[in-house]
Amino acid sequence: MTTYTWTIAQLERNATDGGVIVAHWRVTAQDGEYTASNYGTQSFTPDPSASDFVAYDSLTEATVVGWVQAEMDVEAVQEALQAKIDAEKTPVTLSGTPWAPEASE
């Protein structure tokens, strides 16, 4: 079973009001010994006068991950990572030479 872990690597914010304008995110998929990851950014337009505005000092990683996920197709991202893992598990191409055995043999 594959598990997906979402993290925030970095935030960019307005100097004046601390509103987050860019979140740098990473999602890592793990299925046993197989892993795949994806890294990206998500832009935001913060509104400090909005009732749901969260001050920079009050943010948690879970809050920002929620913002990022709300702006994207989470299922598609995770399906792409699963496809990478599936390709690792069952490769369709191999490399090497017949006169030099692979290190794993």
N, C-alpha and C. Protein backbone atom coordinates (compact mmCIF):
# COMPACT_ATOMS: atom_id res chain seq x y z
N MET A 1 0.84 -1.18 0.00
CA MET A 1 0.00 0.00 0.00
C MET A 1 0.89 1.25 0.00
N THR A 2 0.56 2.17 -0.84
CA THR A 2 1.35 3.39 -0.97
C THR A 2 0.86 4.45 0.01
N THR A 3 1.80 5.09 0.69
CA THR A 3 1.48 6.21 1.56
C THR A 3 2.04 7.48 0.93
N TYR A 4 1.34 8.58 1.11
CA TYR A 4 1.72 9.86 0.53
C TYR A 4 1.96 10.85 1.67
N THR A 5 3.11 11.50 1.63
CA THR A 5 3.46 12.47 2.66
C THR A 5 3.67 13.83 1.99
N TRP A 6 2.87 14.80 2.39
CA TRP A 6 2.96 16.16 1.86
C TRP A 6 3.72 17.02 2.86
N THR A 7 4.69 17.79 2.35
CA THR A 7 5.45 18.70 3.20
C THR A 7 5.60 20.06 2.50
N ILE A 8 5.89 21.05 3.29
CA ILE A 8 6.16 22.39 2.77
C ILE A 8 7.65 22.67 3.01
N ALA A 9 8.38 22.91 1.91
CA ALA A 9 9.82 23.13 2.01
C ALA A 9 10.16 24.59 2.30
N GLN A 10 9.32 25.51 1.81
CA GLN A 10 9.64 26.94 1.94
C GLN A 10 8.39 27.76 1.67
N LEU A 11 8.33 28.91 2.30
CA LEU A 11 7.26 29.86 2.04
C LEU A 11 7.86 31.20 1.63
N GLU A 12 7.19 31.87 0.71
CA GLU A 12 7.53 33.24 0.36
C GLU A 12 6.35 34.09 0.82
N ARG A 13 6.64 35.25 1.42
CA ARG A 13 5.56 36.06 1.96
C ARG A 13 5.82 37.54 1.72
N ASN A 14 4.75 38.31 1.79
CA ASN A 14 4.86 39.76 1.70
C ASN A 14 5.55 40.29 2.95
N ALA A 15 6.48 41.20 2.77
CA ALA A 15 7.19 41.78 3.91
C ALA A 15 6.27 42.68 4.74
N THR A 16 5.29 43.28 4.11
CA THR A 16 4.44 44.23 4.82
C THR A 16 3.41 43.59 5.73
N ASP A 17 2.75 42.54 5.24
CA ASP A 17 1.66 41.96 6.05
C ASP A 17 1.87 40.47 6.38
N GLY A 18 2.93 39.88 5.87
CA GLY A 18 3.21 38.47 6.15
C GLY A 18 2.33 37.49 5.40
N GLY A 19 1.55 37.97 4.45
CA GLY A 19 0.69 37.09 3.67
C GLY A 19 1.53 36.19 2.78
N VAL A 20 1.23 34.91 2.80
CA VAL A 20 1.98 33.94 1.99
C VAL A 20 1.59 34.09 0.53
N ILE A 21 2.61 34.27 -0.32
CA ILE A 21 2.35 34.42 -1.75
C ILE A 21 2.79 33.20 -2.55
N VAL A 22 3.72 32.41 -2.02
CA VAL A 22 4.15 31.18 -2.70
C VAL A 22 4.50 30.13 -1.66
N ALA A 23 4.02 28.93 -1.87
CA ALA A 23 4.41 27.78 -1.04
C ALA A 23 5.15 26.79 -1.93
N HIS A 24 6.30 26.36 -1.49
CA HIS A 24 7.08 25.33 -2.18
C HIS A 24 6.75 24.00 -1.49
N TRP A 25 6.15 23.08 -2.22
CA TRP A 25 5.67 21.85 -1.63
C TRP A 25 6.37 20.63 -2.22
N ARG A 26 6.31 19.54 -1.47
CA ARG A 26 6.82 18.24 -1.94
C ARG A 26 5.86 17.17 -1.46
N VAL A 27 5.60 16.20 -2.34
CA VAL A 27 4.83 15.03 -1.94
C VAL A 27 5.70 13.81 -2.25
N THR A 28 5.81 12.93 -1.27
CA THR A 28 6.59 11.71 -1.42
C THR A 28 5.66 10.52 -1.27
N ALA A 29 5.76 9.61 -2.23
CA ALA A 29 4.98 8.37 -2.19
C ALA A 29 5.93 7.24 -1.81
N GLN A 30 5.48 6.37 -0.93
CA GLN A 30 6.31 5.23 -0.53
C GLN A 30 5.46 3.98 -0.50
N ASP A 31 5.99 2.95 -1.17
CA ASP A 31 5.36 1.63 -1.18
C ASP A 31 6.48 0.64 -0.91
N GLY A 32 6.62 0.25 0.35
CA GLY A 32 7.72 -0.63 0.72
C GLY A 32 9.05 0.04 0.46
N GLU A 33 9.90 -0.60 -0.34
CA GLU A 33 11.22 -0.04 -0.63
C GLU A 33 11.19 0.95 -1.79
N TYR A 34 10.06 1.13 -2.43
CA TYR A 34 9.94 2.00 -3.60
C TYR A 34 9.43 3.38 -3.20
N THR A 35 10.08 4.42 -3.73
CA THR A 35 9.64 5.78 -3.45
C THR A 35 9.66 6.62 -4.73
N ALA A 36 8.83 7.62 -4.74
CA ALA A 36 8.80 8.61 -5.81
C ALA A 36 8.36 9.92 -5.18
N SER A 37 8.82 11.03 -5.74
CA SER A 37 8.41 12.31 -5.18
C SER A 37 8.21 13.34 -6.28
N ASN A 38 7.51 14.38 -5.91
CA ASN A 38 7.23 15.48 -6.81
C ASN A 38 7.37 16.76 -6.01
N TYR A 39 7.92 17.80 -6.65
CA TYR A 39 8.14 19.09 -6.00
C TYR A 39 7.51 20.15 -6.87
N GLY A 40 6.89 21.12 -6.25
CA GLY A 40 6.28 22.20 -7.02
C GLY A 40 6.04 23.42 -6.17
N THR A 41 5.45 24.42 -6.80
CA THR A 41 5.10 25.65 -6.09
C THR A 41 3.63 25.96 -6.34
N GLN A 42 3.06 26.65 -5.40
CA GLN A 42 1.68 27.11 -5.53
C GLN A 42 1.64 28.57 -5.12
N SER A 43 1.08 29.40 -5.97
CA SER A 43 0.98 30.84 -5.69
C SER A 43 -0.36 31.16 -5.03
N PHE A 44 -0.35 32.20 -4.23
CA PHE A 44 -1.54 32.66 -3.53
C PHE A 44 -1.63 34.18 -3.61
N THR A 45 -2.83 34.69 -3.43
CA THR A 45 -3.05 36.14 -3.35
C THR A 45 -3.69 36.40 -1.99
N PRO A 46 -2.87 36.66 -0.97
CA PRO A 46 -3.42 36.84 0.37
C PRO A 46 -4.19 38.14 0.52
N ASP A 47 -5.20 38.09 1.36
CA ASP A 47 -6.00 39.27 1.67
C ASP A 47 -6.03 39.43 3.19
N PRO A 48 -5.18 40.31 3.72
CA PRO A 48 -5.10 40.48 5.18
C PRO A 48 -6.41 40.93 5.83
N SER A 49 -7.34 41.48 5.04
CA SER A 49 -8.61 41.92 5.62
C SER A 49 -9.66 40.81 5.63
N ALA A 50 -9.35 39.67 5.03
CA ALA A 50 -10.30 38.55 4.99
C ALA A 50 -10.41 37.90 6.36
N SER A 51 -11.58 37.39 6.65
CA SER A 51 -11.82 36.77 7.97
C SER A 51 -11.02 35.49 8.15
N ASP A 52 -10.63 34.83 7.05
CA ASP A 52 -9.88 33.57 7.17
C ASP A 52 -8.37 33.76 6.98
N PHE A 53 -7.90 35.01 6.97
CA PHE A 53 -6.47 35.29 6.86
C PHE A 53 -5.75 34.75 8.09
N VAL A 54 -4.64 34.05 7.86
CA VAL A 54 -3.85 33.52 8.97
C VAL A 54 -2.51 34.22 8.97
N ALA A 55 -2.17 34.81 10.10
CA ALA A 55 -0.89 35.50 10.22
C ALA A 55 0.25 34.50 10.07
N TYR A 56 1.33 34.96 9.46
CA TYR A 56 2.48 34.09 9.19
C TYR A 56 2.93 33.34 10.45
N ASP A 57 3.04 34.04 11.56
CA ASP A 57 3.51 33.43 12.81
C ASP A 57 2.55 32.39 13.37
N SER A 58 1.31 32.38 12.88
CA SER A 58 0.32 31.42 13.36
C SER A 58 0.13 30.22 12.43
N LEU A 59 0.86 30.21 11.30
CA LEU A 59 0.70 29.12 10.33
C LEU A 59 1.28 27.81 10.85
N THR A 60 0.66 26.72 10.43
CA THR A 60 1.21 25.39 10.65
C THR A 60 1.42 24.77 9.27
N GLU A 61 2.27 23.77 9.22
CA GLU A 61 2.50 23.08 7.95
C GLU A 61 1.19 22.46 7.44
N ALA A 62 0.40 21.91 8.34
CA ALA A 62 -0.86 21.30 7.94
C ALA A 62 -1.80 22.32 7.29
N THR A 63 -1.83 23.54 7.80
CA THR A 63 -2.66 24.58 7.21
C THR A 63 -2.22 24.87 5.78
N VAL A 64 -0.92 25.05 5.58
CA VAL A 64 -0.42 25.39 4.25
C VAL A 64 -0.58 24.21 3.29
N VAL A 65 -0.36 22.99 3.76
CA VAL A 65 -0.60 21.82 2.91
C VAL A 65 -2.06 21.82 2.47
N GLY A 66 -2.97 22.15 3.36
CA GLY A 66 -4.38 22.23 3.01
C GLY A 66 -4.65 23.27 1.93
N TRP A 67 -3.98 24.41 2.03
CA TRP A 67 -4.13 25.45 1.01
C TRP A 67 -3.64 24.94 -0.35
N VAL A 68 -2.47 24.31 -0.33
CA VAL A 68 -1.88 23.80 -1.57
C VAL A 68 -2.80 22.76 -2.19
N GLN A 69 -3.24 21.81 -1.41
CA GLN A 69 -4.09 20.74 -1.93
C GLN A 69 -5.42 21.27 -2.45
N ALA A 70 -5.93 22.33 -1.84
CA ALA A 70 -7.20 22.90 -2.28
C ALA A 70 -7.09 23.52 -3.68
N GLU A 71 -5.86 23.84 -4.09
CA GLU A 71 -5.64 24.50 -5.38
C GLU A 71 -5.25 23.53 -6.49
N MET A 72 -5.14 22.26 -6.20
CA MET A 72 -4.67 21.31 -7.22
C MET A 72 -5.49 20.04 -7.22
N ASP A 73 -5.23 19.24 -8.22
CA ASP A 73 -5.87 17.93 -8.34
C ASP A 73 -4.99 16.91 -7.61
N VAL A 74 -5.23 16.76 -6.32
CA VAL A 74 -4.41 15.88 -5.48
C VAL A 74 -4.42 14.46 -6.02
N GLU A 75 -5.56 13.98 -6.44
CA GLU A 75 -5.67 12.62 -6.95
C GLU A 75 -4.76 12.41 -8.17
N ALA A 76 -4.71 13.38 -9.06
CA ALA A 76 -3.86 13.26 -10.26
C ALA A 76 -2.38 13.24 -9.89
N VAL A 77 -2.00 14.07 -8.92
CA VAL A 77 -0.60 14.10 -8.47
C VAL A 77 -0.22 12.75 -7.88
N GLN A 78 -1.07 12.21 -7.03
CA GLN A 78 -0.78 10.93 -6.39
C GLN A 78 -0.82 9.78 -7.39
N GLU A 79 -1.72 9.83 -8.37
CA GLU A 79 -1.75 8.80 -9.41
C GLU A 79 -0.46 8.80 -10.23
N ALA A 80 0.08 9.98 -10.52
CA ALA A 80 1.34 10.08 -11.27
C ALA A 80 2.49 9.47 -10.48
N LEU A 81 2.51 9.72 -9.17
CA LEU A 81 3.55 9.13 -8.33
C LEU A 81 3.40 7.62 -8.25
N GLN A 82 2.16 7.15 -8.17
CA GLN A 82 1.92 5.71 -8.15
C GLN A 82 2.42 5.08 -9.45
N ALA A 83 2.20 5.75 -10.57
CA ALA A 83 2.67 5.24 -11.86
C ALA A 83 4.19 5.12 -11.89
N LYS A 84 4.89 6.09 -11.28
CA LYS A 84 6.35 6.02 -11.19
C LYS A 84 6.78 4.81 -10.37
N ILE A 85 6.12 4.59 -9.25
CA ILE A 85 6.44 3.44 -8.40
C ILE A 85 6.16 2.13 -9.14
N ASP A 86 5.01 2.07 -9.81
CA ASP A 86 4.66 0.87 -10.56
C ASP A 86 5.71 0.58 -11.64
N ALA A 87 6.21 1.63 -12.28
CA ALA A 87 7.24 1.46 -13.31
C ALA A 87 8.55 0.95 -12.71
N GLU A 88 8.86 1.37 -11.49
CA GLU A 88 10.06 0.87 -10.80
C GLU A 88 9.90 -0.61 -10.46
N LYS A 89 8.70 -0.96 -10.01
CA LYS A 89 8.45 -2.35 -9.60
C LYS A 89 8.49 -3.31 -10.79
N THR A 90 7.98 -2.86 -11.91
CA THR A 90 7.87 -3.70 -13.10
C THR A 90 8.42 -2.93 -14.30
N PRO A 91 9.74 -2.83 -14.41
CA PRO A 91 10.31 -2.05 -15.51
C PRO A 91 10.01 -2.68 -16.87
N VAL A 92 9.82 -1.82 -17.87
CA VAL A 92 9.56 -2.30 -19.22
C VAL A 92 10.84 -2.29 -20.06
N THR A 93 11.87 -1.63 -19.58
CA THR A 93 13.17 -1.66 -20.24
C THR A 93 14.24 -1.94 -19.19
N LEU A 94 15.31 -2.59 -19.64
CA LEU A 94 16.45 -2.91 -18.77
C LEU A 94 17.71 -2.45 -19.47
N SER A 95 18.77 -2.23 -18.72
CA SER A 95 20.03 -1.84 -19.32
C SER A 95 21.14 -2.72 -18.77
N GLY A 96 22.24 -2.75 -19.46
CA GLY A 96 23.39 -3.54 -19.05
C GLY A 96 24.03 -4.19 -20.26
N THR A 97 24.94 -5.08 -20.01
CA THR A 97 25.60 -5.84 -21.06
C THR A 97 25.63 -7.31 -20.64
N PRO A 98 25.57 -8.22 -21.61
CA PRO A 98 25.54 -9.64 -21.24
C PRO A 98 26.87 -10.14 -20.69
N TRP A 99 27.95 -9.43 -20.94
CA TRP A 99 29.26 -9.89 -20.46
C TRP A 99 29.64 -9.31 -19.11
N ALA A 100 28.85 -8.34 -18.60
CA ALA A 100 29.11 -7.77 -17.27
C ALA A 100 27.81 -7.89 -16.48
N PRO A 101 27.68 -8.90 -15.64
CA PRO A 101 26.42 -9.08 -14.88
C PRO A 101 26.10 -7.85 -14.07
N GLU A 102 24.82 -7.61 -13.91
CA GLU A 102 24.36 -6.50 -13.09
C GLU A 102 24.82 -6.70 -11.65
N ALA A 103 25.03 -5.62 -10.95
CA ALA A 103 25.52 -5.67 -9.58
C ALA A 103 24.58 -6.44 -8.66
N SER A 104 23.30 -6.47 -8.98
CA SER A 104 22.34 -7.13 -8.10
C SER A 104 22.32 -8.64 -8.28
N GLU A 105 22.98 -9.14 -9.32
CA GLU A 105 22.98 -10.60 -9.54
C GLU A 105 24.05 -11.28 -8.72
